[in-house]
Amino acid sequence: MRRQISILLAALLLLTLLVGCGGSGSAKPAATGYAYDTDASTAPEAPMEQDSKFNITAVVADDALRDAKMIYRANIDLQTTDYETSEAAISNLVRSFGGYFESRSLSNRSSGYRYSDCTVRVPAESFENFCNQVGELCHVVYMSSSAENITKVYYDTDSRLKTAQIKLERLQNLLAKADNMADIITIESAISETEYEIEALSGTLRHYDALVDYATIYMTLSETYKLSENSAAPLTFGQRVSRALSNGLHDAGVFFEDLIVGLAGMWVFVLVAAVLVVLLIRAVRKRVLRKKKKDEPSSPESPNHDQPQK
């Protein structure tokens, strides 16, 4: 019996190897024959105009790829002069598309303007429309996107999972027939390893499904006093000088504003320092005056001559 179990285990291992090798070449969707793990961009890497439209067809050039396992991502940098209104509009837009915020953070810059970055997940079929509508809510400074085809690795993982499930079923049947303690221990060890493999592969597929079903958009929202200009033509020398002067005046104004605000917060220390300076000046002046009086020569007294007696 022990010899038969050993033969069955060897045959099961051989079957696992054969199914694993053949699985990667079977059960392929319509995307078979396309290049896998490719990245494509729907937007130029340079800043784009606010009214530019996000076009997913530039990412997926062929309709056949729409049946593939695609992961869509986008990076969008936004500006606004009305932070509360823009933030509320973006939140409402995410909810209207059935999406959610995976992460969100808000910070205040030293200039007093607010800045937030977030990771948004929306259904993959709404990816294009969502990106276009975000561009209509706020001023778009930068937008880029990518599409990753994971069809091959997805179905390879799925094939490995099915192979492991078949292996587990046969090991369990083999365990039911085993009557030797050594064989039972060996089979139970193999079952434990197979169950761990099934759990890991199932987790990987769930992760892939989450990335495929919901597109990922990384967004930043910056509050500013003036929206940046996205000009396609290069600036002339005069425009560059004018912009530099304007930016310089603005930066100088911000610097003095921050200086005044900082001094206002330290008024106690400034007052104490002013009193100490005044006292020090008065003490130095008194000392100088005393030294000056001490160094002045005393006026000579007129000699008293005794008048001769007559």
C-alpha atoms as a PDB file:
ATOM      1  CA  MET A   1       0.000   0.000   0.000  1.00  0.00           C
ATOM      2  CA  ARG A   2       2.819   2.388   0.845  1.00  0.00           C
ATOM      3  CA  ARG A   3       4.424   1.761  -2.515  1.00  0.00           C
ATOM      4  CA  GLN A   4       1.140   2.436  -4.297  1.00  0.00           C
ATOM      5  CA  ILE A   5       0.707   5.742  -2.444  1.00  0.00           C
ATOM      6  CA  SER A   6       4.253   6.772  -3.419  1.00  0.00           C
ATOM      7  CA  ILE A   7       3.481   5.995  -7.054  1.00  0.00           C
ATOM      8  CA  LEU A   8       0.235   7.978  -6.852  1.00  0.00           C
ATOM      9  CA  LEU A   9       2.063  10.976  -5.321  1.00  0.00           C
ATOM     10  CA  ALA A  10       4.666  10.890  -8.077  1.00  0.00           C
ATOM     11  CA  ALA A  11       1.957  10.691 -10.729  1.00  0.00           C
ATOM     12  CA  LEU A  12       0.099  13.585  -9.108  1.00  0.00           C
ATOM     13  CA  LEU A  13       3.266  15.716  -9.082  1.00  0.00           C
ATOM     14  CA  LEU A  14       3.862  14.926 -12.771  1.00  0.00           C
ATOM     15  CA  LEU A  15       0.261  15.871 -13.579  1.00  0.00           C
ATOM     16  CA  THR A  16       0.657  19.161 -11.723  1.00  0.00           C
ATOM     17  CA  LEU A  17       3.752  20.043 -13.752  1.00  0.00           C
ATOM     18  CA  LEU A  18       2.064  19.134 -17.045  1.00  0.00           C
ATOM     19  CA  VAL A  19      -1.086  21.138 -16.280  1.00  0.00           C
ATOM     20  CA  GLY A  20       0.959  24.101 -15.062  1.00  0.00           C
ATOM     21  CA  CYS A  21       3.045  24.195 -18.210  1.00  0.00           C
ATOM     22  CA  GLY A  22       0.090  23.790 -20.509  1.00  0.00           C
ATOM     23  CA  GLY A  23      -2.149  26.196 -18.600  1.00  0.00           C
ATOM     24  CA  SER A  24      -0.286  29.282 -19.687  1.00  0.00           C
ATOM     25  CA  GLY A  25      -0.980  28.500 -23.311  1.00  0.00           C
ATOM     26  CA  SER A  26      -4.695  27.774 -22.876  1.00  0.00           C
ATOM     27  CA  ALA A  27      -7.828  29.633 -21.829  1.00  0.00           C
ATOM     28  CA  LYS A  28      -6.881  32.893 -23.441  1.00  0.00           C
ATOM     29  CA  PRO A  29      -9.361  35.681 -24.221  1.00  0.00           C
ATOM     30  CA  ALA A  30      -9.750  37.599 -27.440  1.00  0.00           C
ATOM     31  CA  ALA A  31      -6.690  39.660 -26.557  1.00  0.00           C
ATOM     32  CA  THR A  32      -4.335  36.797 -27.427  1.00  0.00           C
ATOM     33  CA  GLY A  33      -1.698  37.920 -29.887  1.00  0.00           C
ATOM     34  CA  TYR A  34      -1.403  41.465 -28.552  1.00  0.00           C
ATOM     35  CA  ALA A  35       1.611  42.798 -26.753  1.00  0.00           C
ATOM     36  CA  TYR A  36       1.276  42.466 -22.998  1.00  0.00           C
ATOM     37  CA  ASP A  37       2.421  44.665 -20.148  1.00  0.00           C
ATOM     38  CA  THR A  38       2.452  47.689 -22.393  1.00  0.00           C
ATOM     39  CA  ASP A  39       2.043  51.304 -21.308  1.00  0.00           C
ATOM     40  CA  ALA A  40       0.415  53.993 -23.395  1.00  0.00           C
ATOM     41  CA  SER A  41      -0.382  57.602 -22.683  1.00  0.00           C
ATOM     42  CA  THR A  42      -3.526  59.427 -23.657  1.00  0.00           C
ATOM     43  CA  ALA A  43      -2.191  62.864 -22.837  1.00  0.00           C
ATOM     44  CA  PRO A  44       1.096  64.613 -23.586  1.00  0.00           C
ATOM     45  CA  GLU A  45       3.658  64.729 -20.844  1.00  0.00           C
ATOM     46  CA  ALA A  46       3.740  68.514 -21.093  1.00  0.00           C
ATOM     47  CA  PRO A  47       1.020  70.637 -19.426  1.00  0.00           C
ATOM     48  CA  MET A  48      -2.201  70.638 -21.391  1.00  0.00           C
ATOM     49  CA  GLU A  49      -4.989  73.099 -22.002  1.00  0.00           C
ATOM     50  CA  GLN A  50      -7.885  73.045 -19.550  1.00  0.00           C
ATOM     51  CA  ASP A  51     -10.403  72.294 -22.274  1.00  0.00           C
ATOM     52  CA  SER A  52      -8.401  69.334 -23.584  1.00  0.00           C
ATOM     53  CA  LYS A  53     -10.420  66.113 -23.660  1.00  0.00           C
ATOM     54  CA  PHE A  54      -9.210  62.844 -22.241  1.00  0.00           C
ATOM     55  CA  ASN A  55      -9.539  60.163 -24.914  1.00  0.00           C
ATOM     56  CA  ILE A  56      -9.267  56.563 -23.821  1.00  0.00           C
ATOM     57  CA  THR A  57      -9.211  55.380 -27.429  1.00  0.00           C
ATOM     58  CA  ALA A  58      -5.637  56.638 -27.596  1.00  0.00           C
ATOM     59  CA  VAL A  59      -4.816  54.125 -24.859  1.00  0.00           C
ATOM     60  CA  VAL A  60      -6.821  51.245 -26.296  1.00  0.00           C
ATOM     61  CA  ALA A  61      -6.368  51.644 -30.029  1.00  0.00           C
ATOM     62  CA  ASP A  62      -8.058  48.373 -30.937  1.00  0.00           C
ATOM     63  CA  ASP A  63     -11.593  47.396 -29.914  1.00  0.00           C
ATOM     64  CA  ALA A  64     -10.411  43.824 -29.352  1.00  0.00           C
ATOM     65  CA  LEU A  65      -8.345  44.993 -26.389  1.00  0.00           C
ATOM     66  CA  ARG A  66     -11.501  46.095 -24.601  1.00  0.00           C
ATOM     67  CA  ASP A  67     -12.062  42.415 -23.715  1.00  0.00           C
ATOM     68  CA  ALA A  68      -8.601  42.164 -22.213  1.00  0.00           C
ATOM     69  CA  LYS A  69      -7.626  42.660 -18.580  1.00  0.00           C
ATOM     70  CA  MET A  70      -6.604  46.328 -18.601  1.00  0.00           C
ATOM     71  CA  ILE A  71      -5.472  48.515 -15.706  1.00  0.00           C
ATOM     72  CA  TYR A  72      -6.072  52.239 -16.249  1.00  0.00           C
ATOM     73  CA  ARG A  73      -4.295  54.949 -14.291  1.00  0.00           C
ATOM     74  CA  ALA A  74      -4.156  58.742 -14.548  1.00  0.00           C
ATOM     75  CA  ASN A  75      -2.290  61.622 -12.911  1.00  0.00           C
ATOM     76  CA  ILE A  76      -4.088  64.981 -12.793  1.00  0.00           C
ATOM     77  CA  ASP A  77      -2.842  68.235 -11.237  1.00  0.00           C
ATOM     78  CA  LEU A  78      -5.522  70.882 -10.688  1.00  0.00           C
ATOM     79  CA  GLN A  79      -5.612  74.536  -9.614  1.00  0.00           C
ATOM     80  CA  THR A  80      -8.439  76.610  -8.177  1.00  0.00           C
ATOM     81  CA  THR A  81      -9.083  80.048  -6.700  1.00  0.00           C
ATOM     82  CA  ASP A  82     -12.122  78.745  -4.774  1.00  0.00           C
ATOM     83  CA  TYR A  83     -10.885  75.754  -2.817  1.00  0.00           C
ATOM     84  CA  GLU A  84     -14.078  74.849  -0.917  1.00  0.00           C
ATOM     85  CA  THR A  85     -16.257  74.902  -4.037  1.00  0.00           C
ATOM     86  CA  SER A  86     -13.792  72.853  -6.103  1.00  0.00           C
ATOM     87  CA  GLU A  87     -13.245  70.265  -3.380  1.00  0.00           C
ATOM     88  CA  ALA A  88     -16.994  69.798  -2.899  1.00  0.00           C
ATOM     89  CA  ALA A  89     -17.545  69.517  -6.667  1.00  0.00           C
ATOM     90  CA  ILE A  90     -14.850  66.829  -6.986  1.00  0.00           C
ATOM     91  CA  SER A  91     -16.321  64.850  -4.080  1.00  0.00           C
ATOM     92  CA  ASN A  92     -19.786  64.982  -5.644  1.00  0.00           C
ATOM     93  CA  LEU A  93     -18.370  63.918  -9.004  1.00  0.00           C
ATOM     94  CA  VAL A  94     -16.623  60.895  -7.483  1.00  0.00           C
ATOM     95  CA  ARG A  95     -19.854  59.794  -5.796  1.00  0.00           C
ATOM     96  CA  SER A  96     -21.919  60.334  -8.954  1.00  0.00           C
ATOM     97  CA  PHE A  97     -19.680  57.896 -10.852  1.00  0.00           C
ATOM     98  CA  GLY A  98     -19.930  55.270  -8.129  1.00  0.00           C
ATOM     99  CA  GLY A  99     -16.323  55.792  -7.096  1.00  0.00           C
ATOM    100  CA  TYR A 100     -14.596  56.381  -3.789  1.00  0.00           C
ATOM    101  CA  PHE A 101     -11.519  58.012  -2.248  1.00  0.00           C
ATOM    102  CA  GLU A 102      -8.859  55.429  -1.497  1.00  0.00           C
ATOM    103  CA  SER A 103      -6.729  58.044   0.279  1.00  0.00           C
ATOM    104  CA  ARG A 104      -6.981  61.782   0.899  1.00  0.00           C
ATOM    105  CA  SER A 105      -4.820  64.400   2.626  1.00  0.00           C
ATOM    106  CA  LEU A 106      -4.911  68.175   3.111  1.00  0.00           C
ATOM    107  CA  SER A 107      -2.052  70.506   4.017  1.00  0.00           C
ATOM    108  CA  ASN A 108      -1.547  74.243   4.419  1.00  0.00           C
ATOM    109  CA  ARG A 109       1.428  75.860   2.763  1.00  0.00           C
ATOM    110  CA  SER A 110       3.499  78.611   4.354  1.00  0.00           C
ATOM    111  CA  SER A 111       1.811  81.119   2.047  1.00  0.00           C
ATOM    112  CA  GLY A 112      -1.563  80.227   3.579  1.00  0.00           C
ATOM    113  CA  TYR A 113      -2.913  78.488   0.482  1.00  0.00           C
ATOM    114  CA  ARG A 114      -4.252  74.945   0.787  1.00  0.00           C
ATOM    115  CA  TYR A 115      -3.059  71.861  -1.056  1.00  0.00           C
ATOM    116  CA  SER A 116      -4.556  68.381  -1.168  1.00  0.00           C
ATOM    117  CA  ASP A 117      -3.715  65.124  -2.873  1.00  0.00           C
ATOM    118  CA  CYS A 118      -5.924  62.084  -3.167  1.00  0.00           C
ATOM    119  CA  THR A 119      -6.253  58.708  -4.829  1.00  0.00           C
ATOM    120  CA  VAL A 120      -9.625  58.168  -6.481  1.00  0.00           C
ATOM    121  CA  ARG A 121     -11.050  54.846  -7.697  1.00  0.00           C
ATOM    122  CA  VAL A 122     -13.837  54.877 -10.291  1.00  0.00           C
ATOM    123  CA  PRO A 123     -15.338  52.059 -12.390  1.00  0.00           C
ATOM    124  CA  ALA A 124     -13.103  51.344 -15.373  1.00  0.00           C
ATOM    125  CA  GLU A 125     -15.920  51.990 -17.867  1.00  0.00           C
ATOM    126  CA  SER A 126     -16.272  55.536 -16.453  1.00  0.00           C
ATOM    127  CA  PHE A 127     -12.561  56.335 -16.581  1.00  0.00           C
ATOM    128  CA  GLU A 128     -12.683  58.540 -19.685  1.00  0.00           C
ATOM    129  CA  ASN A 129     -15.810  60.481 -18.711  1.00  0.00           C
ATOM    130  CA  PHE A 130     -14.595  61.079 -15.185  1.00  0.00           C
ATOM    131  CA  CYS A 131     -11.254  62.520 -16.318  1.00  0.00           C
ATOM    132  CA  ASN A 132     -13.006  64.801 -18.822  1.00  0.00           C
ATOM    133  CA  GLN A 133     -15.464  66.118 -16.249  1.00  0.00           C
ATOM    134  CA  VAL A 134     -12.755  66.761 -13.676  1.00  0.00           C
ATOM    135  CA  GLY A 135     -11.085  68.955 -16.285  1.00  0.00           C
ATOM    136  CA  GLU A 136     -14.296  70.969 -16.545  1.00  0.00           C
ATOM    137  CA  LEU A 137     -14.523  71.562 -12.782  1.00  0.00           C
ATOM    138  CA  CYS A 138     -11.027  72.936 -12.208  1.00  0.00           C
ATOM    139  CA  HIS A 139      -8.069  74.367 -14.082  1.00  0.00           C
ATOM    140  CA  VAL A 140      -5.952  71.483 -15.387  1.00  0.00           C
ATOM    141  CA  VAL A 141      -2.216  72.058 -15.062  1.00  0.00           C
ATOM    142  CA  TYR A 142      -1.077  68.551 -15.952  1.00  0.00           C
ATOM    143  CA  MET A 143      -2.761  65.335 -17.066  1.00  0.00           C
ATOM    144  CA  SER A 144      -1.290  61.998 -18.083  1.00  0.00           C
ATOM    145  CA  SER A 145      -2.565  58.446 -18.264  1.00  0.00           C
ATOM    146  CA  SER A 146      -1.418  54.892 -18.763  1.00  0.00           C
ATOM    147  CA  ALA A 147      -2.966  51.549 -19.662  1.00  0.00           C
ATOM    148  CA  GLU A 148      -1.396  48.243 -18.638  1.00  0.00           C
ATOM    149  CA  ASN A 149      -2.494  44.978 -20.225  1.00  0.00           C
ATOM    150  CA  ILE A 150      -2.223  42.165 -17.656  1.00  0.00           C
ATOM    151  CA  THR A 151      -4.197  39.582 -19.642  1.00  0.00           C
ATOM    152  CA  LYS A 152      -1.350  37.073 -19.896  1.00  0.00           C
ATOM    153  CA  VAL A 153      -0.252  37.219 -16.266  1.00  0.00           C
ATOM    154  CA  TYR A 154      -3.890  37.192 -15.110  1.00  0.00           C
ATOM    155  CA  TYR A 155      -4.821  33.998 -16.951  1.00  0.00           C
ATOM    156  CA  ASP A 156      -1.505  32.362 -16.083  1.00  0.00           C
ATOM    157  CA  THR A 157      -2.335  32.951 -12.415  1.00  0.00           C
ATOM    158  CA  ASP A 158      -5.883  31.683 -12.930  1.00  0.00           C
ATOM    159  CA  SER A 159      -4.554  28.516 -14.585  1.00  0.00           C
ATOM    160  CA  ARG A 160      -2.135  27.907 -11.703  1.00  0.00           C
ATOM    161  CA  LEU A 161      -5.018  28.317  -9.250  1.00  0.00           C
ATOM    162  CA  LYS A 162      -7.165  25.740 -11.035  1.00  0.00           C
ATOM    163  CA  THR A 163      -4.227  23.327 -11.132  1.00  0.00           C
ATOM    164  CA  ALA A 164      -3.673  23.755  -7.400  1.00  0.00           C
ATOM    165  CA  GLN A 165      -7.372  23.144  -6.715  1.00  0.00           C
ATOM    166  CA  ILE A 166      -7.293  19.889  -8.717  1.00  0.00           C
ATOM    167  CA  LYS A 167      -4.155  18.864  -6.853  1.00  0.00           C
ATOM    168  CA  LEU A 168      -5.814  19.578  -3.502  1.00  0.00           C
ATOM    169  CA  GLU A 169      -8.865  17.490  -4.381  1.00  0.00           C
ATOM    170  CA  ARG A 170      -6.738  14.494  -5.374  1.00  0.00           C
ATOM    171  CA  LEU A 171      -4.581  14.821  -2.268  1.00  0.00           C
ATOM    172  CA  GLN A 172      -7.694  14.758  -0.106  1.00  0.00           C
ATOM    173  CA  ASN A 173      -8.923  11.615  -1.882  1.00  0.00           C
ATOM    174  CA  LEU A 174      -5.509  10.064  -1.399  1.00  0.00           C
ATOM    175  CA  LEU A 175      -5.554  10.964   2.294  1.00  0.00           C
ATOM    176  CA  ALA A 176      -8.879   9.183   2.746  1.00  0.00           C
ATOM    177  CA  LYS A 177      -7.345   5.934   1.441  1.00  0.00           C
ATOM    178  CA  ALA A 178      -4.075   6.148   3.380  1.00  0.00           C
ATOM    179  CA  ASP A 179      -3.667   3.690   6.289  1.00  0.00           C
ATOM    180  CA  ASN A 180      -0.029   4.285   7.169  1.00  0.00           C
ATOM    181  CA  MET A 181       0.957   7.054   9.602  1.00  0.00           C
ATOM    182  CA  ALA A 182       4.020   8.082   7.604  1.00  0.00           C
ATOM    183  CA  ASP A 183       1.933   8.375   4.424  1.00  0.00           C
ATOM    184  CA  ILE A 184      -0.734  10.342   6.274  1.00  0.00           C
ATOM    185  CA  ILE A 185       1.859  12.848   7.552  1.00  0.00           C
ATOM    186  CA  THR A 186       3.366  13.224   4.082  1.00  0.00           C
ATOM    187  CA  ILE A 187      -0.018  13.764   2.418  1.00  0.00           C
ATOM    188  CA  GLU A 188      -1.173  16.235   5.085  1.00  0.00           C
ATOM    189  CA  SER A 189       2.029  18.240   4.588  1.00  0.00           C
ATOM    190  CA  ALA A 190       1.395  18.346   0.839  1.00  0.00           C
ATOM    191  CA  ILE A 191      -2.222  19.408   1.471  1.00  0.00           C
ATOM    192  CA  SER A 192      -1.068  22.250   3.744  1.00  0.00           C
ATOM    193  CA  GLU A 193       1.374  23.543   1.116  1.00  0.00           C
ATOM    194  CA  THR A 194      -1.271  23.342  -1.607  1.00  0.00           C
ATOM    195  CA  GLU A 195      -3.835  25.200   0.504  1.00  0.00           C
ATOM    196  CA  TYR A 196      -1.286  27.968   1.112  1.00  0.00           C
ATOM    197  CA  GLU A 197      -0.598  28.160  -2.636  1.00  0.00           C
ATOM    198  CA  ILE A 198      -4.338  28.376  -3.382  1.00  0.00           C
ATOM    199  CA  GLU A 199      -4.780  31.178  -0.852  1.00  0.00           C
ATOM    200  CA  ALA A 200      -1.876  33.163  -2.313  1.00  0.00           C
ATOM    201  CA  LEU A 201      -3.054  32.751  -5.907  1.00  0.00           C
ATOM    202  CA  SER A 202      -6.636  33.660  -4.964  1.00  0.00           C
ATOM    203  CA  GLY A 203      -5.383  36.821  -3.262  1.00  0.00           C
ATOM    204  CA  THR A 204      -3.381  37.760  -6.356  1.00  0.00           C
ATOM    205  CA  LEU A 205      -6.439  37.338  -8.585  1.00  0.00           C
ATOM    206  CA  ARG A 206      -8.573  39.434  -6.228  1.00  0.00           C
ATOM    207  CA  HIS A 207      -5.938  42.167  -6.372  1.00  0.00           C
ATOM    208  CA  TYR A 208      -5.884  42.055 -10.175  1.00  0.00           C
ATOM    209  CA  ASP A 209      -9.694  42.165 -10.293  1.00  0.00           C
ATOM    210  CA  ALA A 210      -9.753  45.242  -8.080  1.00  0.00           C
ATOM    211  CA  LEU A 211      -7.248  47.043 -10.318  1.00  0.00           C
ATOM    212  CA  VAL A 212      -9.082  46.044 -13.500  1.00  0.00           C
ATOM    213  CA  ASP A 213     -12.618  46.794 -12.302  1.00  0.00           C
ATOM    214  CA  TYR A 214     -11.749  50.207 -10.855  1.00  0.00           C
ATOM    215  CA  ALA A 215      -9.402  52.673 -12.532  1.00  0.00           C
ATOM    216  CA  THR A 216      -6.977  54.625 -10.342  1.00  0.00           C
ATOM    217  CA  ILE A 217      -6.640  58.416 -10.583  1.00  0.00           C
ATOM    218  CA  TYR A 218      -4.000  60.305  -8.598  1.00  0.00           C
ATOM    219  CA  MET A 219      -5.105  63.927  -8.202  1.00  0.00           C
ATOM    220  CA  THR A 220      -3.711  67.073  -6.602  1.00  0.00           C
ATOM    221  CA  LEU A 221      -5.676  70.278  -5.964  1.00  0.00           C
ATOM    222  CA  SER A 222      -3.770  73.506  -5.328  1.00  0.00           C
ATOM    223  CA  GLU A 223      -5.314  76.740  -4.099  1.00  0.00           C
ATOM    224  CA  THR A 224      -3.814  79.819  -5.743  1.00  0.00           C
ATOM    225  CA  TYR A 225      -4.503  83.514  -6.093  1.00  0.00           C
ATOM    226  CA  LYS A 226      -4.081  83.319  -9.868  1.00  0.00           C
ATOM    227  CA  LEU A 227      -4.451  80.396 -12.244  1.00  0.00           C
ATOM    228  CA  SER A 228      -1.352  79.471 -14.206  1.00  0.00           C
ATOM    229  CA  GLU A 229      -1.324  80.003 -17.946  1.00  0.00           C
ATOM    230  CA  ASN A 230      -0.875  77.072 -20.296  1.00  0.00           C
ATOM    231  CA  SER A 231       0.506  78.662 -23.435  1.00  0.00           C
ATOM    232  CA  ALA A 232       1.449  76.507 -26.391  1.00  0.00           C
ATOM    233  CA  ALA A 233       3.749  79.148 -27.900  1.00  0.00           C
ATOM    234  CA  PRO A 234       7.015  80.022 -26.109  1.00  0.00           C
ATOM    235  CA  LEU A 235       7.103  83.345 -24.312  1.00  0.00           C
ATOM    236  CA  THR A 236       8.965  86.241 -25.878  1.00  0.00           C
ATOM    237  CA  PHE A 237      11.813  88.014 -24.082  1.00  0.00           C
ATOM    238  CA  GLY A 238       9.555  90.899 -23.120  1.00  0.00           C
ATOM    239  CA  GLN A 239       6.888  88.537 -21.769  1.00  0.00           C
ATOM    240  CA  ARG A 240       9.471  86.662 -19.751  1.00  0.00           C
ATOM    241  CA  VAL A 241      10.835  89.914 -18.260  1.00  0.00           C
ATOM    242  CA  SER A 242       7.317  91.150 -17.503  1.00  0.00           C
ATOM    243  CA  ARG A 243       6.382  87.864 -15.849  1.00  0.00           C
ATOM    244  CA  ALA A 244       9.619  87.842 -13.832  1.00  0.00           C
ATOM    245  CA  LEU A 245       8.937  91.392 -12.575  1.00  0.00           C
ATOM    246  CA  SER A 246       5.350  90.498 -11.713  1.00  0.00           C
ATOM    247  CA  ASN A 247       6.403  87.345  -9.893  1.00  0.00           C
ATOM    248  CA  GLY A 248       9.140  89.264  -8.090  1.00  0.00           C
ATOM    249  CA  LEU A 249       6.694  91.887  -6.834  1.00  0.00           C
ATOM    250  CA  HIS A 250       4.284  89.203  -5.739  1.00  0.00           C
ATOM    251  CA  ASP A 251       6.994  87.224  -3.941  1.00  0.00           C
ATOM    252  CA  ALA A 252       8.229  90.405  -2.229  1.00  0.00           C
ATOM    253  CA  GLY A 253       4.692  91.184  -1.102  1.00  0.00           C
ATOM    254  CA  VAL A 254       4.249  87.672   0.257  1.00  0.00           C
ATOM    255  CA  PHE A 255       7.609  87.937   2.071  1.00  0.00           C
ATOM    256  CA  PHE A 256       6.713  91.184   3.827  1.00  0.00           C
ATOM    257  CA  GLU A 257       3.254  89.866   4.653  1.00  0.00           C
ATOM    258  CA  ASP A 258       4.790  86.792   6.245  1.00  0.00           C
ATOM    259  CA  LEU A 259       7.319  89.002   8.069  1.00  0.00           C
ATOM    260  CA  ILE A 260       4.589  91.214   9.521  1.00  0.00           C
ATOM    261  CA  VAL A 261       2.507  88.205  10.520  1.00  0.00           C
ATOM    262  CA  GLY A 262       5.550  86.638  12.167  1.00  0.00           C
ATOM    263  CA  LEU A 263       6.384  89.811  14.081  1.00  0.00           C
ATOM    264  CA  ALA A 264       2.777  90.163  15.170  1.00  0.00           C
ATOM    265  CA  GLY A 265       2.981  86.734  16.710  1.00  0.00           C
ATOM    266  CA  MET A 266       6.179  87.718  18.565  1.00  0.00           C
ATOM    267  CA  TRP A 267       5.053  91.162  19.811  1.00  0.00           C
ATOM    268  CA  VAL A 268       5.963  90.375  23.417  1.00  0.00           C
ATOM    269  CA  PHE A 269       9.541  89.490  22.514  1.00  0.00           C
ATOM    270  CA  VAL A 270       9.780  92.529  20.234  1.00  0.00           C
ATOM    271  CA  LEU A 271       8.533  94.816  23.040  1.00  0.00           C
ATOM    272  CA  VAL A 272      10.981  93.400  25.573  1.00  0.00           C
ATOM    273  CA  ALA A 273      13.831  93.685  23.068  1.00  0.00           C
ATOM    274  CA  ALA A 274      12.898  97.329  22.331  1.00  0.00           C
ATOM    275  CA  VAL A 275      12.869  98.212  26.067  1.00  0.00           C
ATOM    276  CA  LEU A 276      16.249  96.545  26.551  1.00  0.00           C
ATOM    277  CA  VAL A 277      17.701  98.446  23.615  1.00  0.00           C
ATOM    278  CA  VAL A 278      16.399 101.779  24.982  1.00  0.00           C
ATOM    279  CA  LEU A 279      17.809 101.069  28.445  1.00  0.00           C
ATOM    280  CA  LEU A 280      21.133 100.047  26.960  1.00  0.00           C
ATOM    281  CA  ILE A 281      21.349 103.242  24.900  1.00  0.00           C
ATOM    282  CA  ARG A 282      20.535 105.401  27.931  1.00  0.00           C
ATOM    283  CA  ALA A 283      23.124 103.604  30.065  1.00  0.00           C
ATOM    284  CA  VAL A 284      25.803 104.080  27.411  1.00  0.00           C
ATOM    285  CA  ARG A 285      24.962 107.780  27.053  1.00  0.00           C
ATOM    286  CA  LYS A 286      25.173 108.337  30.826  1.00  0.00           C
ATOM    287  CA  ARG A 287      28.503 106.596  30.965  1.00  0.00           C
ATOM    288  CA  VAL A 288      29.872 108.665  28.106  1.00  0.00           C
ATOM    289  CA  LEU A 289      28.703 111.906  29.757  1.00  0.00           C
ATOM    290  CA  ARG A 290      30.280 110.988  33.105  1.00  0.00           C
ATOM    291  CA  LYS A 291      33.553 110.160  31.409  1.00  0.00           C
ATOM    292  CA  LYS A 292      33.463 113.415  29.478  1.00  0.00           C
ATOM    293  CA  LYS A 293      32.914 115.480  32.634  1.00  0.00           C
ATOM    294  CA  LYS A 294      35.710 113.647  34.401  1.00  0.00           C
ATOM    295  CA  ASP A 295      38.163 114.332  31.602  1.00  0.00           C
ATOM    296  CA  GLU A 296      37.397 118.100  31.453  1.00  0.00           C
ATOM    297  CA  PRO A 297      40.213 120.249  33.146  1.00  0.00           C
ATOM    298  CA  SER A 298      39.040 122.151  36.222  1.00  0.00           C
ATOM    299  CA  SER A 299      39.158 126.022  35.886  1.00  0.00           C
ATOM    300  CA  PRO A 300      42.220 127.570  37.715  1.00  0.00           C
ATOM    301  CA  GLU A 301      41.426 129.593  40.824  1.00  0.00           C
ATOM    302  CA  SER A 302      42.601 133.244  40.960  1.00  0.00           C
ATOM    303  CA  PRO A 303      45.546 133.594  43.374  1.00  0.00           C
ATOM    304  CA  ASN A 304      44.877 135.623  46.543  1.00  0.00           C
ATOM    305  CA  HIS A 305      47.582 138.277  46.921  1.00  0.00           C
ATOM    306  CA  ASP A 306      47.751 139.950  50.281  1.00  0.00           C
ATOM    307  CA  GLN A 307      47.564 143.637  49.840  1.00  0.00           C
ATOM    308  CA  PRO A 308      50.475 145.451  51.511  1.00  0.00           C
ATOM    309  CA  GLN A 309      49.547 147.278  54.620  1.00  0.00           C
ATOM    310  CA  LYS A 310      49.926 150.935  54.508  1.00  0.00           C
END
